[in-house]
Amino acid sequence: PFIIVILGGLIGGIVVSMYMPIFKLG
């Protein structure tokens, strides 16, 4: 679970930051 949290935070953070402009345009 510790590794899952770290990977989720790292990769998820990158993905969310890339989709934020799209959400803003919407």
PDB file of all heavy atoms in Angstrom:
ATOM      1  N   PRO A   1       0.816  -1.228   0.000  1.00  0.00           N
ATOM      2  CA  PRO A   1       0.000   0.000   0.000  1.00  0.00           C
ATOM      3  C   PRO A   1       0.844   1.268   0.000  1.00  0.00           C
ATOM      4  O   PRO A   1       0.459   2.282  -0.598  1.00  0.00           O
ATOM      5  CB  PRO A   1      -0.822  -0.119   1.289  1.00  0.00           C
ATOM      6  CG  PRO A   1      -0.096  -1.085   2.148  1.00  0.00           C
ATOM      7  CD  PRO A   1       0.585  -2.029   1.214  1.00  0.00           C
ATOM      8  N   PHE A   2       2.004   1.214   0.655  1.00  0.00           N
ATOM      9  CA  PHE A   2       2.889   2.374   0.710  1.00  0.00           C
ATOM     10  C   PHE A   2       3.368   2.748  -0.690  1.00  0.00           C
ATOM     11  O   PHE A   2       3.353   3.919  -1.095  1.00  0.00           O
ATOM     12  CB  PHE A   2       4.079   2.040   1.621  1.00  0.00           C
ATOM     13  CG  PHE A   2       5.007   3.190   1.855  1.00  0.00           C
ATOM     14  CD1 PHE A   2       4.606   4.290   2.590  1.00  0.00           C
ATOM     15  CD2 PHE A   2       6.302   3.176   1.335  1.00  0.00           C
ATOM     16  CE1 PHE A   2       5.458   5.358   2.812  1.00  0.00           C
ATOM     17  CE2 PHE A   2       7.163   4.229   1.544  1.00  0.00           C
ATOM     18  CZ  PHE A   2       6.740   5.324   2.290  1.00  0.00           C
ATOM     19  N   ILE A   3       3.772   1.738  -1.471  1.00  0.00           N
ATOM     20  CA  ILE A   3       4.252   1.981  -2.836  1.00  0.00           C
ATOM     21  C   ILE A   3       3.112   2.456  -3.729  1.00  0.00           C
ATOM     22  O   ILE A   3       3.286   3.337  -4.571  1.00  0.00           O
ATOM     23  CB  ILE A   3       4.903   0.696  -3.395  1.00  0.00           C
ATOM     24  CG1 ILE A   3       6.237   0.440  -2.688  1.00  0.00           C
ATOM     25  CG2 ILE A   3       5.121   0.804  -4.896  1.00  0.00           C
ATOM     26  CD1 ILE A   3       6.877  -0.881  -3.030  1.00  0.00           C
ATOM     27  N   ILE A   4       1.920   1.867  -3.540  1.00  0.00           N
ATOM     28  CA  ILE A   4       0.765   2.271  -4.349  1.00  0.00           C
ATOM     29  C   ILE A   4       0.440   3.753  -4.117  1.00  0.00           C
ATOM     30  O   ILE A   4       0.150   4.497  -5.058  1.00  0.00           O
ATOM     31  CB  ILE A   4      -0.454   1.385  -4.013  1.00  0.00           C
ATOM     32  CG1 ILE A   4      -0.232  -0.028  -4.564  1.00  0.00           C
ATOM     33  CG2 ILE A   4      -1.740   1.976  -4.595  1.00  0.00           C
ATOM     34  CD1 ILE A   4      -1.281  -1.023  -4.138  1.00  0.00           C
ATOM     35  N   VAL A   5       0.506   4.187  -2.865  1.00  0.00           N
ATOM     36  CA  VAL A   5       0.228   5.595  -2.539  1.00  0.00           C
ATOM     37  C   VAL A   5       1.257   6.511  -3.207  1.00  0.00           C
ATOM     38  O   VAL A   5       0.911   7.543  -3.802  1.00  0.00           O
ATOM     39  CB  VAL A   5       0.219   5.801  -1.012  1.00  0.00           C
ATOM     40  CG1 VAL A   5       0.205   7.291  -0.673  1.00  0.00           C
ATOM     41  CG2 VAL A   5      -0.978   5.115  -0.390  1.00  0.00           C
ATOM     42  N   ILE A   6       2.537   6.131  -3.132  1.00  0.00           N
ATOM     43  CA  ILE A   6       3.597   6.967  -3.717  1.00  0.00           C
ATOM     44  C   ILE A   6       3.446   7.045  -5.235  1.00  0.00           C
ATOM     45  O   ILE A   6       3.498   8.130  -5.834  1.00  0.00           O
ATOM     46  CB  ILE A   6       4.987   6.408  -3.340  1.00  0.00           C
ATOM     47  CG1 ILE A   6       5.242   6.604  -1.844  1.00  0.00           C
ATOM     48  CG2 ILE A   6       6.082   7.101  -4.153  1.00  0.00           C
ATOM     49  CD1 ILE A   6       6.556   6.048  -1.364  1.00  0.00           C
ATOM     50  N   LEU A   7       3.240   5.882  -5.870  1.00  0.00           N
ATOM     51  CA  LEU A   7       3.090   5.875  -7.329  1.00  0.00           C
ATOM     52  C   LEU A   7       1.840   6.621  -7.763  1.00  0.00           C
ATOM     53  O   LEU A   7       1.851   7.364  -8.751  1.00  0.00           O
ATOM     54  CB  LEU A   7       3.045   4.430  -7.843  1.00  0.00           C
ATOM     55  CG  LEU A   7       4.335   3.631  -7.751  1.00  0.00           C
ATOM     56  CD1 LEU A   7       4.144   2.256  -8.363  1.00  0.00           C
ATOM     57  CD2 LEU A   7       5.468   4.350  -8.443  1.00  0.00           C
ATOM     58  N   GLY A   8       0.745   6.404  -7.014  1.00  0.00           N
ATOM     59  CA  GLY A   8      -0.494   7.110  -7.339  1.00  0.00           C
ATOM     60  C   GLY A   8      -0.329   8.611  -7.222  1.00  0.00           C
ATOM     61  O   GLY A   8      -0.801   9.369  -8.089  1.00  0.00           O
ATOM     62  N   GLY A   9       0.359   9.056  -6.161  1.00  0.00           N
ATOM     63  CA  GLY A   9       0.575  10.487  -5.988  1.00  0.00           C
ATOM     64  C   GLY A   9       1.470  11.078  -7.058  1.00  0.00           C
ATOM     65  O   GLY A   9       1.202  12.168  -7.591  1.00  0.00           O
ATOM     66  N   LEU A  10       2.528  10.343  -7.435  1.00  0.00           N
ATOM     67  CA  LEU A  10       3.489  10.856  -8.410  1.00  0.00           C
ATOM     68  C   LEU A  10       2.890  10.906  -9.814  1.00  0.00           C
ATOM     69  O   LEU A  10       2.805  11.975 -10.442  1.00  0.00           O
ATOM     70  CB  LEU A  10       4.741   9.967  -8.401  1.00  0.00           C
ATOM     71  CG  LEU A  10       5.876  10.371  -9.345  1.00  0.00           C
ATOM     72  CD1 LEU A  10       6.437  11.725  -8.940  1.00  0.00           C
ATOM     73  CD2 LEU A  10       6.975   9.317  -9.317  1.00  0.00           C
ATOM     74  N   ILE A  11       2.456   9.743 -10.301  1.00  0.00           N
ATOM     75  CA  ILE A  11       1.932   9.679 -11.665  1.00  0.00           C
ATOM     76  C   ILE A  11       0.573  10.376 -11.761  1.00  0.00           C
ATOM     77  O   ILE A  11       0.278  11.082 -12.734  1.00  0.00           O
ATOM     78  CB  ILE A  11       1.832   8.203 -12.123  1.00  0.00           C
ATOM     79  CG1 ILE A  11       3.239   7.584 -12.136  1.00  0.00           C
ATOM     80  CG2 ILE A  11       1.196   8.099 -13.510  1.00  0.00           C
ATOM     81  CD1 ILE A  11       3.275   6.115 -12.443  1.00  0.00           C
ATOM     82  N   GLY A  12      -0.250  10.190 -10.713  1.00  0.00           N
ATOM     83  CA  GLY A  12      -1.547  10.877 -10.704  1.00  0.00           C
ATOM     84  C   GLY A  12      -1.401  12.379 -10.699  1.00  0.00           C
ATOM     85  O   GLY A  12      -2.162  13.094 -11.365  1.00  0.00           O
ATOM     86  N   GLY A  13      -0.420  12.892  -9.959  1.00  0.00           N
ATOM     87  CA  GLY A  13      -0.174  14.335  -9.924  1.00  0.00           C
ATOM     88  C   GLY A  13       0.200  14.871 -11.290  1.00  0.00           C
ATOM     89  O   GLY A  13      -0.259  15.950 -11.707  1.00  0.00           O
ATOM     90  N   ILE A  14       1.047  14.117 -12.019  1.00  0.00           N
ATOM     91  CA  ILE A  14       1.447  14.546 -13.367  1.00  0.00           C
ATOM     92  C   ILE A  14       0.235  14.567 -14.300  1.00  0.00           C
ATOM     93  O   ILE A  14       0.026  15.527 -15.062  1.00  0.00           O
ATOM     94  CB  ILE A  14       2.546  13.609 -13.919  1.00  0.00           C
ATOM     95  CG1 ILE A  14       3.818  13.740 -13.079  1.00  0.00           C
ATOM     96  CG2 ILE A  14       2.836  13.926 -15.382  1.00  0.00           C
ATOM     97  CD1 ILE A  14       4.904  12.744 -13.447  1.00  0.00           C
ATOM     98  N   VAL A  15      -0.573  13.508 -14.247  1.00  0.00           N
ATOM     99  CA  VAL A  15      -1.741  13.410 -15.128  1.00  0.00           C
ATOM    100  C   VAL A  15      -2.739  14.528 -14.845  1.00  0.00           C
ATOM    101  O   VAL A  15      -3.251  15.191 -15.765  1.00  0.00           O
ATOM    102  CB  VAL A  15      -2.412  12.022 -14.980  1.00  0.00           C
ATOM    103  CG1 VAL A  15      -3.737  11.980 -15.727  1.00  0.00           C
ATOM    104  CG2 VAL A  15      -1.482  10.926 -15.479  1.00  0.00           C
ATOM    105  N   VAL A  16      -3.020  14.771 -13.553  1.00  0.00           N
ATOM    106  CA  VAL A  16      -3.982  15.816 -13.177  1.00  0.00           C
ATOM    107  C   VAL A  16      -3.486  17.194 -13.619  1.00  0.00           C
ATOM    108  O   VAL A  16      -4.264  18.021 -14.129  1.00  0.00           O
ATOM    109  CB  VAL A  16      -4.248  15.789 -11.661  1.00  0.00           C
ATOM    110  CG1 VAL A  16      -5.038  17.027 -11.226  1.00  0.00           C
ATOM    111  CG2 VAL A  16      -5.010  14.524 -11.275  1.00  0.00           C
ATOM    112  N   SER A  17      -2.185  17.454 -13.434  1.00  0.00           N
ATOM    113  CA  SER A  17      -1.642  18.761 -13.831  1.00  0.00           C
ATOM    114  C   SER A  17      -1.757  18.971 -15.339  1.00  0.00           C
ATOM    115  O   SER A  17      -1.909  20.103 -15.815  1.00  0.00           O
ATOM    116  CB  SER A  17      -0.187  18.888 -13.395  1.00  0.00           C
ATOM    117  OG  SER A  17       0.620  17.953 -14.080  1.00  0.00           O
ATOM    118  N   MET A  18      -1.704  17.882 -16.112  1.00  0.00           N
ATOM    119  CA  MET A  18      -1.850  17.999 -17.562  1.00  0.00           C
ATOM    120  C   MET A  18      -3.308  18.215 -17.985  1.00  0.00           C
ATOM    121  O   MET A  18      -3.571  18.834 -19.023  1.00  0.00           O
ATOM    122  CB  MET A  18      -1.312  16.721 -18.240  1.00  0.00           C
ATOM    123  CG  MET A  18       0.203  16.589 -18.228  1.00  0.00           C
ATOM    124  SD  MET A  18       1.029  17.858 -19.229  1.00  0.00           S
ATOM    125  CE  MET A  18       1.475  19.040 -17.971  1.00  0.00           C
ATOM    126  N   TYR A  19      -4.237  17.715 -17.194  1.00  0.00           N
ATOM    127  CA  TYR A  19      -5.654  17.863 -17.549  1.00  0.00           C
ATOM    128  C   TYR A  19      -6.284  19.136 -16.977  1.00  0.00           C
ATOM    129  O   TYR A  19      -7.397  19.499 -17.370  1.00  0.00           O
ATOM    130  CB  TYR A  19      -6.448  16.639 -17.078  1.00  0.00           C
ATOM    131  CG  TYR A  19      -6.396  15.493 -18.052  1.00  0.00           C
ATOM    132  CD1 TYR A  19      -5.479  14.465 -17.900  1.00  0.00           C
ATOM    133  CD2 TYR A  19      -7.259  15.449 -19.148  1.00  0.00           C
ATOM    134  CE1 TYR A  19      -5.412  13.415 -18.797  1.00  0.00           C
ATOM    135  CE2 TYR A  19      -7.209  14.405 -20.052  1.00  0.00           C
ATOM    136  CZ  TYR A  19      -6.284  13.389 -19.870  1.00  0.00           C
ATOM    137  OH  TYR A  19      -6.233  12.354 -20.770  1.00  0.00           O
ATOM    138  N   MET A  20      -5.591  19.817 -16.063  1.00  0.00           N
ATOM    139  CA  MET A  20      -6.140  21.034 -15.460  1.00  0.00           C
ATOM    140  C   MET A  20      -6.484  22.108 -16.492  1.00  0.00           C
ATOM    141  O   MET A  20      -7.560  22.731 -16.415  1.00  0.00           O
ATOM    142  CB  MET A  20      -5.179  21.595 -14.408  1.00  0.00           C
ATOM    143  CG  MET A  20      -5.214  20.818 -13.097  1.00  0.00           C
ATOM    144  SD  MET A  20      -4.037  21.458 -11.873  1.00  0.00           S
ATOM    145  CE  MET A  20      -4.803  23.019 -11.471  1.00  0.00           C
ATOM    146  N   PRO A  21      -5.619  22.383 -17.472  1.00  0.00           N
ATOM    147  CA  PRO A  21      -6.000  23.390 -18.491  1.00  0.00           C
ATOM    148  C   PRO A  21      -7.255  22.990 -19.270  1.00  0.00           C
ATOM    149  O   PRO A  21      -8.056  23.859 -19.647  1.00  0.00           O
ATOM    150  CB  PRO A  21      -4.772  23.443 -19.408  1.00  0.00           C
ATOM    151  CG  PRO A  21      -3.646  22.953 -18.574  1.00  0.00           C
ATOM    152  CD  PRO A  21      -4.236  21.918 -17.671  1.00  0.00           C
ATOM    153  N   ILE A  22      -7.417  21.693 -19.527  1.00  0.00           N
ATOM    154  CA  ILE A  22      -8.599  21.223 -20.254  1.00  0.00           C
ATOM    155  C   ILE A  22      -9.851  21.466 -19.431  1.00  0.00           C
ATOM    156  O   ILE A  22     -10.889  21.915 -19.942  1.00  0.00           O
ATOM    157  CB  ILE A  22      -8.438  19.733 -20.619  1.00  0.00           C
ATOM    158  CG1 ILE A  22      -7.211  19.544 -21.523  1.00  0.00           C
ATOM    159  CG2 ILE A  22      -9.695  19.196 -21.297  1.00  0.00           C
ATOM    160  CD1 ILE A  22      -6.882  18.104 -21.851  1.00  0.00           C
ATOM    161  N   PHE A  23      -9.774  21.175 -18.107  1.00  0.00           N
ATOM    162  CA  PHE A  23     -10.908  21.440 -17.221  1.00  0.00           C
ATOM    163  C   PHE A  23     -11.237  22.930 -17.200  1.00  0.00           C
ATOM    164  O   PHE A  23     -12.412  23.340 -17.195  1.00  0.00           O
ATOM    165  CB  PHE A  23     -10.602  20.966 -15.792  1.00  0.00           C
ATOM    166  CG  PHE A  23     -10.370  19.485 -15.683  1.00  0.00           C
ATOM    167  CD1 PHE A  23      -9.541  18.969 -14.689  1.00  0.00           C
ATOM    168  CD2 PHE A  23     -10.992  18.601 -16.556  1.00  0.00           C
ATOM    169  CE1 PHE A  23      -9.335  17.615 -14.590  1.00  0.00           C
ATOM    170  CE2 PHE A  23     -10.786  17.232 -16.455  1.00  0.00           C
ATOM    171  CZ  PHE A  23      -9.955  16.733 -15.466  1.00  0.00           C
ATOM    172  N   LYS A  24     -10.180  23.768 -17.196  1.00  0.00           N
ATOM    173  CA  LYS A  24     -10.359  25.216 -17.145  1.00  0.00           C
ATOM    174  C   LYS A  24     -11.066  25.705 -18.410  1.00  0.00           C
ATOM    175  O   LYS A  24     -11.967  26.555 -18.360  1.00  0.00           O
ATOM    176  CB  LYS A  24      -8.992  25.887 -16.994  1.00  0.00           C
ATOM    177  CG  LYS A  24      -9.057  27.367 -16.689  1.00  0.00           C
ATOM    178  CD  LYS A  24      -7.640  27.906 -16.424  1.00  0.00           C
ATOM    179  CE  LYS A  24      -7.694  29.387 -16.129  1.00  0.00           C
ATOM    180  NZ  LYS A  24      -6.343  29.951 -15.916  1.00  0.00           N
ATOM    181  N   LEU A  25     -10.679  25.168 -19.559  1.00  0.00           N
ATOM    182  CA  LEU A  25     -11.331  25.538 -20.821  1.00  0.00           C
ATOM    183  C   LEU A  25     -12.788  25.102 -20.832  1.00  0.00           C
ATOM    184  O   LEU A  25     -13.665  25.807 -21.336  1.00  0.00           O
ATOM    185  CB  LEU A  25     -10.593  24.884 -21.999  1.00  0.00           C
ATOM    186  CG  LEU A  25      -9.264  25.533 -22.413  1.00  0.00           C
ATOM    187  CD1 LEU A  25      -8.572  24.673 -23.465  1.00  0.00           C
ATOM    188  CD2 LEU A  25      -9.513  26.932 -22.947  1.00  0.00           C
ATOM    189  N   GLY A  26     -13.060  23.956 -20.265  1.00  0.00           N
ATOM    190  CA  GLY A  26     -14.441  23.475 -20.188  1.00  0.00           C
ATOM    191  C   GLY A  26     -15.307  24.406 -19.366  1.00  0.00           C
ATOM    192  O   GLY A  26     -16.471  24.652 -19.707  1.00  0.00           O
TER     193      GLY A  26
END
